[in-house]
N, C-alpha and C. Protein backbone atom coordinates (compact mmCIF):
# COMPACT_ATOMS: atom_id res chain seq x y z
N MET A 1 -13.83 103.73 99.39
CA MET A 1 -12.49 104.09 99.44
C MET A 1 -11.92 104.07 98.13
N SER A 2 -11.30 105.11 97.82
CA SER A 2 -10.66 105.41 96.51
C SER A 2 -9.53 104.64 96.14
N VAL A 3 -9.23 104.34 94.99
CA VAL A 3 -7.94 103.75 94.59
C VAL A 3 -6.58 104.41 95.09
N TYR A 4 -6.71 105.68 95.08
CA TYR A 4 -5.47 106.38 95.75
C TYR A 4 -5.25 106.00 97.16
N VAL A 5 -6.43 105.92 97.97
CA VAL A 5 -6.23 105.56 99.48
C VAL A 5 -5.67 104.11 99.53
N VAL A 6 -6.20 103.26 98.73
CA VAL A 6 -5.74 101.92 98.81
C VAL A 6 -4.17 101.79 98.40
N LEU A 7 -3.79 102.67 97.44
CA LEU A 7 -2.37 102.49 96.94
C LEU A 7 -1.45 103.21 98.15
N GLY A 8 -2.04 104.18 98.78
CA GLY A 8 -1.31 104.90 99.81
C GLY A 8 -0.94 103.87 100.96
N LEU A 9 -2.03 103.07 101.31
CA LEU A 9 -2.07 101.97 102.43
C LEU A 9 -1.18 100.95 101.88
N VAL A 10 -1.06 100.46 100.60
CA VAL A 10 -0.19 99.54 100.10
C VAL A 10 1.33 100.02 100.25
N GLY A 11 1.49 101.18 99.95
CA GLY A 11 2.83 101.75 100.15
C GLY A 11 3.24 101.94 101.48
N LEU A 12 2.50 102.19 102.40
CA LEU A 12 2.81 102.14 103.94
C LEU A 12 3.20 100.80 104.23
N VAL A 13 2.44 99.81 103.83
CA VAL A 13 2.86 98.42 104.28
C VAL A 13 4.24 98.04 103.79
N LEU A 14 4.42 98.35 102.43
CA LEU A 14 5.75 98.09 101.83
C LEU A 14 6.87 98.96 102.57
N LEU A 15 6.55 100.09 102.96
CA LEU A 15 7.58 100.91 103.77
C LEU A 15 7.96 100.19 105.09
N ALA A 16 6.84 99.77 105.76
CA ALA A 16 6.97 99.15 106.99
C ALA A 16 7.55 97.81 106.93
N ALA A 17 7.42 97.03 105.80
CA ALA A 17 7.89 95.85 105.49
C ALA A 17 9.54 96.05 105.22
N SER A 18 9.81 96.97 104.52
CA SER A 18 11.38 97.30 104.20
C SER A 18 12.07 97.87 105.44
N LEU A 19 11.44 98.43 106.44
CA LEU A 19 11.94 98.78 107.71
C LEU A 19 12.14 97.66 108.61
N LEU A 20 11.10 96.78 108.68
CA LEU A 20 11.29 95.66 109.65
C LEU A 20 12.02 94.41 109.11
N ILE A 21 11.95 94.18 107.84
CA ILE A 21 12.55 93.08 107.22
C ILE A 21 13.93 93.32 106.34
N GLY A 22 13.84 94.38 105.78
CA GLY A 22 14.96 94.81 104.97
C GLY A 22 14.57 95.05 103.59
N ASP A 23 15.51 95.07 102.68
CA ASP A 23 15.08 95.24 101.34
C ASP A 23 14.47 94.19 100.60
N LEU A 24 13.34 94.24 100.34
CA LEU A 24 12.49 93.00 99.74
C LEU A 24 12.85 92.71 98.32
N PHE A 25 13.41 93.75 97.57
CA PHE A 25 13.82 93.31 96.11
C PHE A 25 15.44 93.18 96.04
N GLU A 26 16.00 92.65 96.95
CA GLU A 26 17.56 92.73 96.98
C GLU A 26 17.97 92.12 95.68
N GLY A 27 17.68 90.91 95.40
CA GLY A 27 18.07 90.41 94.07
C GLY A 27 17.65 90.96 92.71
N LEU A 28 16.42 91.42 92.77
CA LEU A 28 15.77 91.94 91.65
C LEU A 28 16.32 93.17 90.92
N THR A 29 16.94 93.94 91.91
CA THR A 29 17.27 95.33 91.44
C THR A 29 19.04 95.40 91.51
N ASP A 30 19.57 94.29 91.42
CA ASP A 30 21.02 94.46 91.32
C ASP A 30 21.62 94.98 90.10
N LEU A 31 20.95 94.88 89.03
CA LEU A 31 21.31 95.38 87.73
C LEU A 31 21.12 97.12 87.71
N LEU A 32 20.36 97.56 88.45
CA LEU A 32 20.21 99.06 88.49
C LEU A 32 21.15 99.83 89.40
N PRO A 33 21.52 100.97 89.08
CA PRO A 33 22.51 101.64 89.85
C PRO A 33 21.99 102.23 91.29
N GLY A 34 22.90 102.26 92.16
CA GLY A 34 22.39 102.73 93.37
C GLY A 34 21.27 102.03 94.07
N ASP A 35 20.51 102.92 94.72
CA ASP A 35 19.25 102.49 95.48
C ASP A 35 18.04 103.05 94.91
N ALA A 36 18.05 103.19 93.57
CA ALA A 36 16.89 103.86 92.90
C ALA A 36 15.73 103.09 92.90
N PHE A 37 15.80 101.86 93.17
CA PHE A 37 14.63 100.95 93.11
C PHE A 37 14.55 100.11 94.41
N SER A 38 14.84 100.62 95.54
CA SER A 38 14.89 99.79 96.85
C SER A 38 13.44 99.77 97.33
N SER A 39 13.25 98.96 98.35
CA SER A 39 11.89 98.75 98.91
C SER A 39 11.39 100.03 99.45
N ALA A 40 12.38 100.89 100.15
CA ALA A 40 11.99 102.17 100.64
C ALA A 40 11.60 103.10 99.72
N VAL A 41 12.32 103.12 98.45
CA VAL A 41 12.01 104.14 97.56
C VAL A 41 10.80 103.76 96.80
N ILE A 42 10.40 102.56 96.57
CA ILE A 42 9.28 102.16 95.95
C ILE A 42 8.03 102.30 96.87
N GLY A 43 8.15 101.79 98.11
CA GLY A 43 7.03 102.12 99.02
C GLY A 43 6.94 103.61 99.32
N GLY A 44 7.90 104.47 99.41
CA GLY A 44 7.61 105.90 99.56
C GLY A 44 6.87 106.48 98.36
N PHE A 45 7.23 106.05 97.15
CA PHE A 45 6.51 106.53 96.06
C PHE A 45 5.15 106.08 95.83
N VAL A 46 4.83 104.77 96.20
CA VAL A 46 3.49 104.37 96.09
C VAL A 46 2.62 104.99 97.24
N ALA A 47 3.19 105.14 98.38
CA ALA A 47 2.41 105.82 99.50
C ALA A 47 2.06 107.12 99.24
N ALA A 48 3.13 107.92 98.77
CA ALA A 48 2.92 109.43 98.49
C ALA A 48 2.12 109.62 97.29
N PHE A 49 2.13 108.63 96.30
CA PHE A 49 1.35 108.62 95.10
C PHE A 49 -0.07 108.51 95.65
N GLY A 50 -0.40 107.47 96.29
CA GLY A 50 -1.65 107.33 96.65
C GLY A 50 -2.27 108.41 97.62
N PHE A 51 -1.69 108.83 98.72
CA PHE A 51 -2.14 109.89 99.57
C PHE A 51 -2.16 111.26 98.94
N GLY A 52 -1.14 111.56 97.98
CA GLY A 52 -1.13 112.84 97.28
C GLY A 52 -2.31 112.82 96.43
N GLY A 53 -2.53 111.81 95.53
CA GLY A 53 -3.86 111.68 94.84
C GLY A 53 -5.07 111.73 95.44
N ALA A 54 -5.24 111.13 96.58
CA ALA A 54 -6.35 111.06 97.49
C ALA A 54 -6.60 112.55 98.02
N PHE A 55 -5.64 113.12 98.34
CA PHE A 55 -5.71 114.53 98.87
C PHE A 55 -6.39 115.44 97.78
N ALA A 56 -5.71 115.33 96.41
CA ALA A 56 -6.14 116.19 95.35
C ALA A 56 -7.68 115.66 95.08
N GLU A 57 -7.92 114.51 95.17
CA GLU A 57 -9.28 114.07 95.03
C GLU A 57 -10.42 114.57 95.93
N ALA A 58 -9.70 114.59 97.24
CA ALA A 58 -10.76 115.20 98.13
C ALA A 58 -11.06 116.62 97.94
N LEU A 59 -10.21 117.36 97.24
CA LEU A 59 -10.47 118.74 96.92
C LEU A 59 -11.37 118.84 95.74
N ALA A 60 -11.96 117.59 95.35
CA ALA A 60 -12.76 117.61 94.08
C ALA A 60 -12.21 118.09 92.79
N LEU A 61 -10.81 117.78 92.54
CA LEU A 61 -10.14 118.06 91.46
C LEU A 61 -10.39 117.03 90.39
N PRO A 62 -10.36 117.20 89.17
CA PRO A 62 -10.74 116.42 87.99
C PRO A 62 -9.41 115.29 87.98
N LEU A 63 -9.60 114.14 87.34
CA LEU A 63 -8.46 113.25 87.27
C LEU A 63 -7.20 113.68 86.67
N LEU A 64 -7.46 114.67 85.56
CA LEU A 64 -6.26 115.30 84.89
C LEU A 64 -5.46 116.08 85.67
N VAL A 65 -5.99 116.53 86.91
CA VAL A 65 -5.16 117.26 87.89
C VAL A 65 -4.67 116.33 88.98
N THR A 66 -5.54 115.37 89.48
CA THR A 66 -5.12 114.46 90.63
C THR A 66 -4.02 113.48 90.25
N LEU A 67 -4.09 113.22 89.06
CA LEU A 67 -2.90 112.24 88.56
C LEU A 67 -1.56 112.85 88.65
N PRO A 68 -1.44 114.06 88.17
CA PRO A 68 -0.03 114.85 88.16
C PRO A 68 0.44 115.10 89.63
N VAL A 69 -0.66 115.49 90.44
CA VAL A 69 -0.31 115.73 91.89
C VAL A 69 0.28 114.42 92.48
N ALA A 70 -0.36 113.30 92.27
CA ALA A 70 -0.11 112.00 92.69
C ALA A 70 1.38 111.67 92.34
N VAL A 71 1.74 111.83 90.99
CA VAL A 71 2.97 111.52 90.48
C VAL A 71 4.14 112.49 91.21
N VAL A 72 3.71 113.80 91.22
CA VAL A 72 4.74 114.64 91.79
C VAL A 72 5.01 114.23 93.18
N SER A 73 3.91 113.94 93.98
CA SER A 73 4.14 113.65 95.42
C SER A 73 4.99 112.35 95.49
N GLY A 74 4.59 111.41 94.66
CA GLY A 74 5.41 110.19 94.69
C GLY A 74 6.84 110.42 94.28
N VAL A 75 7.24 111.22 93.25
CA VAL A 75 8.56 111.41 93.09
C VAL A 75 9.34 112.10 94.13
N VAL A 76 8.69 112.94 94.69
CA VAL A 76 9.33 113.79 95.87
C VAL A 76 9.63 112.92 96.94
N VAL A 77 8.76 112.11 97.44
CA VAL A 77 8.91 111.37 98.49
C VAL A 77 10.05 110.19 98.09
N ALA A 78 9.86 109.64 96.97
CA ALA A 78 10.82 108.60 96.61
C ALA A 78 12.20 109.08 96.61
N TRP A 79 12.43 110.35 95.97
CA TRP A 79 13.73 110.96 96.06
C TRP A 79 14.22 111.11 97.46
N PHE A 80 13.30 111.47 98.41
CA PHE A 80 13.80 111.76 99.77
C PHE A 80 14.18 110.54 100.49
N ALA A 81 13.27 109.50 100.13
CA ALA A 81 13.58 108.08 100.75
C ALA A 81 14.90 107.52 100.14
N GLY A 82 15.17 107.65 99.00
CA GLY A 82 16.40 107.15 98.36
C GLY A 82 17.77 108.00 98.97
N TRP A 83 17.46 109.41 99.07
CA TRP A 83 18.41 110.09 99.63
C TRP A 83 18.80 109.72 101.06
N LEU A 84 17.66 109.65 101.93
CA LEU A 84 17.70 109.18 103.38
C LEU A 84 18.43 107.95 103.51
N THR A 85 18.02 106.96 102.68
CA THR A 85 18.57 105.58 102.55
C THR A 85 20.09 105.59 102.42
N GLY A 86 20.41 106.24 101.44
CA GLY A 86 21.90 106.45 101.07
C GLY A 86 22.67 107.13 102.19
N LEU A 87 21.98 108.12 102.87
CA LEU A 87 22.69 108.78 103.98
C LEU A 87 22.92 107.70 105.18
N VAL A 88 21.89 107.02 105.43
CA VAL A 88 22.00 106.05 106.54
C VAL A 88 23.01 105.06 106.30
N ARG A 89 23.01 104.45 105.14
CA ARG A 89 23.89 103.41 104.74
C ARG A 89 25.33 103.88 104.73
N GLY A 90 25.59 105.02 104.26
CA GLY A 90 27.04 105.55 104.06
C GLY A 90 27.39 106.48 105.10
N GLY A 91 26.53 106.73 106.10
CA GLY A 91 26.92 107.81 107.01
C GLY A 91 27.65 107.44 108.16
N GLY A 92 28.14 106.12 108.34
CA GLY A 92 28.72 105.68 109.54
C GLY A 92 30.26 106.31 109.75
N SER A 93 30.57 106.60 111.12
CA SER A 93 31.89 107.16 111.12
C SER A 93 32.55 106.29 112.23
N ASP A 94 32.84 104.98 111.82
CA ASP A 94 33.53 103.98 112.69
C ASP A 94 35.00 104.07 112.73
N GLY A 95 35.45 105.04 112.16
CA GLY A 95 36.95 105.19 111.86
C GLY A 95 37.72 105.32 113.22
N THR A 96 38.83 104.86 113.35
CA THR A 96 39.50 105.17 114.57
C THR A 96 40.32 106.59 114.66
N PRO A 97 39.88 107.23 115.66
CA PRO A 97 40.41 108.58 115.72
C PRO A 97 41.91 108.69 115.63
N SER A 98 42.45 109.70 115.05
CA SER A 98 43.98 109.75 115.09
C SER A 98 44.42 110.95 116.08
N ILE A 99 45.61 111.10 116.27
CA ILE A 99 46.10 112.24 117.15
C ILE A 99 45.85 113.47 116.53
N THR A 100 45.91 113.60 115.12
CA THR A 100 45.55 114.93 114.51
C THR A 100 44.12 115.35 114.73
N ASP A 101 43.26 114.51 115.13
CA ASP A 101 41.86 114.82 115.49
C ASP A 101 41.70 115.51 116.73
N SER A 102 42.72 115.57 117.50
CA SER A 102 42.70 116.22 118.86
C SER A 102 42.98 117.44 118.83
N VAL A 103 43.68 118.11 117.78
CA VAL A 103 43.82 119.53 117.61
C VAL A 103 42.69 120.28 117.72
N GLY A 104 42.72 121.33 118.73
CA GLY A 104 41.56 122.07 118.99
C GLY A 104 40.41 121.69 120.18
N ARG A 105 40.67 120.41 120.47
CA ARG A 105 39.82 119.80 121.44
C ARG A 105 40.26 120.19 122.85
N SER A 106 39.32 120.19 123.74
CA SER A 106 39.58 120.38 125.14
C SER A 106 39.84 119.17 125.80
N GLY A 107 40.45 119.23 126.96
CA GLY A 107 40.83 117.95 127.78
C GLY A 107 41.20 118.52 129.17
N ARG A 108 41.69 117.46 130.04
CA ARG A 108 42.18 117.57 131.23
C ARG A 108 43.57 116.95 131.45
N VAL A 109 44.31 117.66 132.32
CA VAL A 109 45.57 117.10 132.70
C VAL A 109 45.43 116.12 133.67
N VAL A 110 46.04 114.86 133.37
CA VAL A 110 45.86 113.73 134.13
C VAL A 110 46.86 113.77 135.25
N SER A 111 48.22 113.87 134.68
CA SER A 111 49.35 114.03 135.51
C SER A 111 50.09 115.39 135.26
N GLU A 112 50.60 115.98 136.26
CA GLU A 112 51.08 117.26 136.14
C GLU A 112 52.04 117.46 134.98
N ILE A 113 52.11 118.67 134.24
CA ILE A 113 52.90 118.93 133.27
C ILE A 113 54.06 119.98 133.68
N PRO A 114 55.20 119.45 133.90
CA PRO A 114 56.33 120.35 134.47
C PRO A 114 56.73 121.38 133.28
N ARG A 115 57.42 122.44 133.67
CA ARG A 115 57.85 123.51 132.70
C ARG A 115 58.60 123.03 131.53
N ASP A 116 59.64 122.10 131.73
CA ASP A 116 60.34 121.52 130.52
C ASP A 116 60.22 120.01 130.31
N GLY A 117 58.88 119.52 130.66
CA GLY A 117 58.79 118.07 130.64
C GLY A 117 57.40 117.73 130.05
N TYR A 118 57.22 116.57 130.21
CA TYR A 118 55.96 115.95 129.71
C TYR A 118 55.03 115.48 130.72
N GLY A 119 53.76 115.71 130.63
CA GLY A 119 52.88 115.10 131.52
C GLY A 119 51.72 114.29 130.68
N LEU A 120 50.58 114.07 131.30
CA LEU A 120 49.48 113.34 130.58
C LEU A 120 48.30 114.13 130.55
N VAL A 121 47.51 114.13 129.38
CA VAL A 121 46.24 114.79 129.21
C VAL A 121 45.29 113.65 128.75
N ARG A 122 43.98 113.99 129.00
CA ARG A 122 43.00 113.21 128.55
C ARG A 122 42.06 113.92 127.59
N ILE A 123 41.97 113.48 126.47
CA ILE A 123 41.06 114.09 125.39
C ILE A 123 40.03 113.11 124.94
N VAL A 124 38.73 113.74 124.64
CA VAL A 124 37.73 112.98 124.04
C VAL A 124 37.58 113.46 122.51
N VAL A 125 37.76 112.37 121.79
CA VAL A 125 37.62 112.60 120.17
C VAL A 125 36.65 111.74 119.84
N GLY A 126 35.40 112.14 119.13
CA GLY A 126 34.55 111.31 118.53
C GLY A 126 33.97 110.26 119.44
N GLY A 127 33.85 110.46 120.80
CA GLY A 127 33.46 109.47 121.56
C GLY A 127 34.44 108.66 122.15
N HIS A 128 35.83 108.68 121.76
CA HIS A 128 36.92 107.94 122.13
C HIS A 128 37.67 108.80 123.06
N THR A 129 38.20 108.14 124.23
CA THR A 129 39.18 108.86 125.07
C THR A 129 40.40 108.48 124.62
N LEU A 130 41.20 109.55 124.48
CA LEU A 130 42.74 109.40 123.95
C LEU A 130 43.43 109.96 125.35
N GLN A 131 44.48 109.25 125.74
CA GLN A 131 45.43 109.82 126.70
C GLN A 131 46.72 109.95 126.04
N LEU A 132 47.11 111.10 126.02
CA LEU A 132 48.33 111.49 125.32
C LEU A 132 49.46 112.19 126.22
N ASN A 133 50.71 112.04 125.81
CA ASN A 133 51.71 113.03 126.44
C ASN A 133 51.66 114.22 126.08
N ALA A 134 51.85 115.34 126.92
CA ALA A 134 51.58 116.56 126.60
C ALA A 134 52.74 117.68 127.18
N ARG A 135 53.02 118.57 126.37
CA ARG A 135 53.91 119.66 126.86
C ARG A 135 53.03 120.83 126.87
N ALA A 136 53.66 121.90 127.79
CA ALA A 136 52.99 123.20 127.78
C ALA A 136 54.05 124.19 127.90
N ALA A 137 53.75 125.47 127.73
CA ALA A 137 54.57 126.52 127.78
C ALA A 137 55.05 126.76 129.34
N GLY A 138 54.14 126.49 130.22
CA GLY A 138 54.41 126.68 131.58
C GLY A 138 53.82 125.39 132.32
N PRO A 139 54.14 125.32 133.59
CA PRO A 139 53.67 124.19 134.40
C PRO A 139 52.21 124.26 134.62
N LEU A 140 51.53 122.96 134.50
CA LEU A 140 50.09 122.90 134.68
C LEU A 140 50.00 121.67 135.69
N GLY A 141 48.98 121.97 136.57
CA GLY A 141 48.61 120.88 137.66
C GLY A 141 47.64 119.87 137.06
N ALA A 142 47.56 118.80 137.86
CA ALA A 142 46.53 117.84 137.39
C ALA A 142 45.27 118.56 137.54
N GLY A 143 44.27 118.15 136.75
CA GLY A 143 42.92 118.53 136.77
C GLY A 143 42.69 119.89 135.93
N SER A 144 43.73 120.52 135.57
CA SER A 144 43.70 121.75 134.78
C SER A 144 43.05 121.42 133.43
N GLU A 145 42.20 122.38 132.96
CA GLU A 145 41.38 122.25 131.60
C GLU A 145 42.38 122.81 130.58
N VAL A 146 42.72 122.19 129.50
CA VAL A 146 43.61 122.56 128.44
C VAL A 146 42.98 122.40 127.09
N HIS A 147 43.59 123.01 126.11
CA HIS A 147 43.10 122.86 124.66
C HIS A 147 44.46 122.30 124.02
N VAL A 148 44.27 121.31 123.08
CA VAL A 148 45.45 121.01 122.22
C VAL A 148 45.71 121.93 121.14
N THR A 149 47.08 122.42 121.08
CA THR A 149 47.27 123.34 119.96
C THR A 149 48.17 122.87 119.03
N GLU A 150 49.04 121.60 119.24
CA GLU A 150 49.85 121.18 118.06
C GLU A 150 50.00 119.79 118.39
N VAL A 151 50.30 118.96 117.32
CA VAL A 151 50.83 117.78 117.50
C VAL A 151 52.35 117.52 117.29
N LEU A 152 52.92 116.96 118.29
CA LEU A 152 54.41 116.78 118.31
C LEU A 152 54.86 115.55 117.72
N SER A 153 53.98 114.49 118.07
CA SER A 153 54.59 113.12 117.53
C SER A 153 53.29 112.20 117.56
N PRO A 154 53.31 111.08 117.18
CA PRO A 154 52.27 110.01 117.21
C PRO A 154 51.62 109.99 118.64
N THR A 155 52.28 110.24 119.66
CA THR A 155 51.84 110.10 121.01
C THR A 155 51.86 111.41 121.88
N ALA A 156 52.36 112.43 121.34
CA ALA A 156 52.46 113.66 122.14
C ALA A 156 51.79 114.92 121.49
N VAL A 157 51.44 115.82 122.24
CA VAL A 157 50.77 117.03 121.95
C VAL A 157 51.31 118.32 122.67
N THR A 158 50.94 119.31 122.22
CA THR A 158 51.27 120.60 122.92
C THR A 158 50.03 121.25 123.32
N VAL A 159 49.80 121.64 124.53
CA VAL A 159 48.61 122.16 124.95
C VAL A 159 48.67 123.53 125.68
N ALA A 160 47.63 124.18 125.71
CA ALA A 160 47.48 125.58 126.39
C ALA A 160 46.33 125.52 127.34
N PRO A 161 46.62 126.29 128.27
CA PRO A 161 45.55 126.24 129.41
C PRO A 161 44.26 126.89 128.80
N ALA A 162 43.05 126.49 129.33
CA ALA A 162 41.88 127.17 128.94
C ALA A 162 41.76 128.50 129.58
N TRP A 163 40.97 129.40 128.97
CA TRP A 163 40.93 130.83 129.31
C TRP A 163 40.76 130.97 130.84
N ASP A 164 39.86 130.29 131.58
CA ASP A 164 39.70 130.38 133.01
C ASP A 164 40.83 129.83 133.81
N GLU A 165 41.59 129.21 133.16
CA GLU A 165 42.81 128.69 134.05
C GLU A 165 44.14 129.67 134.01
N ILE A 166 44.10 130.53 133.03
CA ILE A 166 45.16 131.63 132.92
C ILE A 166 45.05 132.51 134.13
N VAL A 167 46.26 132.67 134.83
CA VAL A 167 46.26 133.68 135.87
C VAL A 167 47.05 134.85 135.60
């Protein structure tokens, strides 16, 4: 077994450990900016370096070619691992939906909307169900599908019937 394959396997073990246990170098890399030297980045680099070099070596290329292929493979995968780690860590959307997020969304009338009054509509925004007071240009019966067109207040919106509801 070549040194490249051994390095590839070591990198995979490091990647698996960082996935199952967490960042192995938590305190050691605090002085460095961002996640440039996280376990996932280092494991990805070592694994890609090893397997990229082993692939180039299997093609019977000389060391002066296999080494740059290994380094480029490692850098590409390390960059991707760092980008993916940053995306996963910073990509949460746990924010509370606001009424302005409901504009353009579809929903259903819960209680009838009279011509000059308010009724209730239920809208799903970001996986959260919002029940809002609603006005419409004309009366709408319970169960009608509507689209939110405007925000009137923190608890009220204007709605319009969906295309198939217009008579």
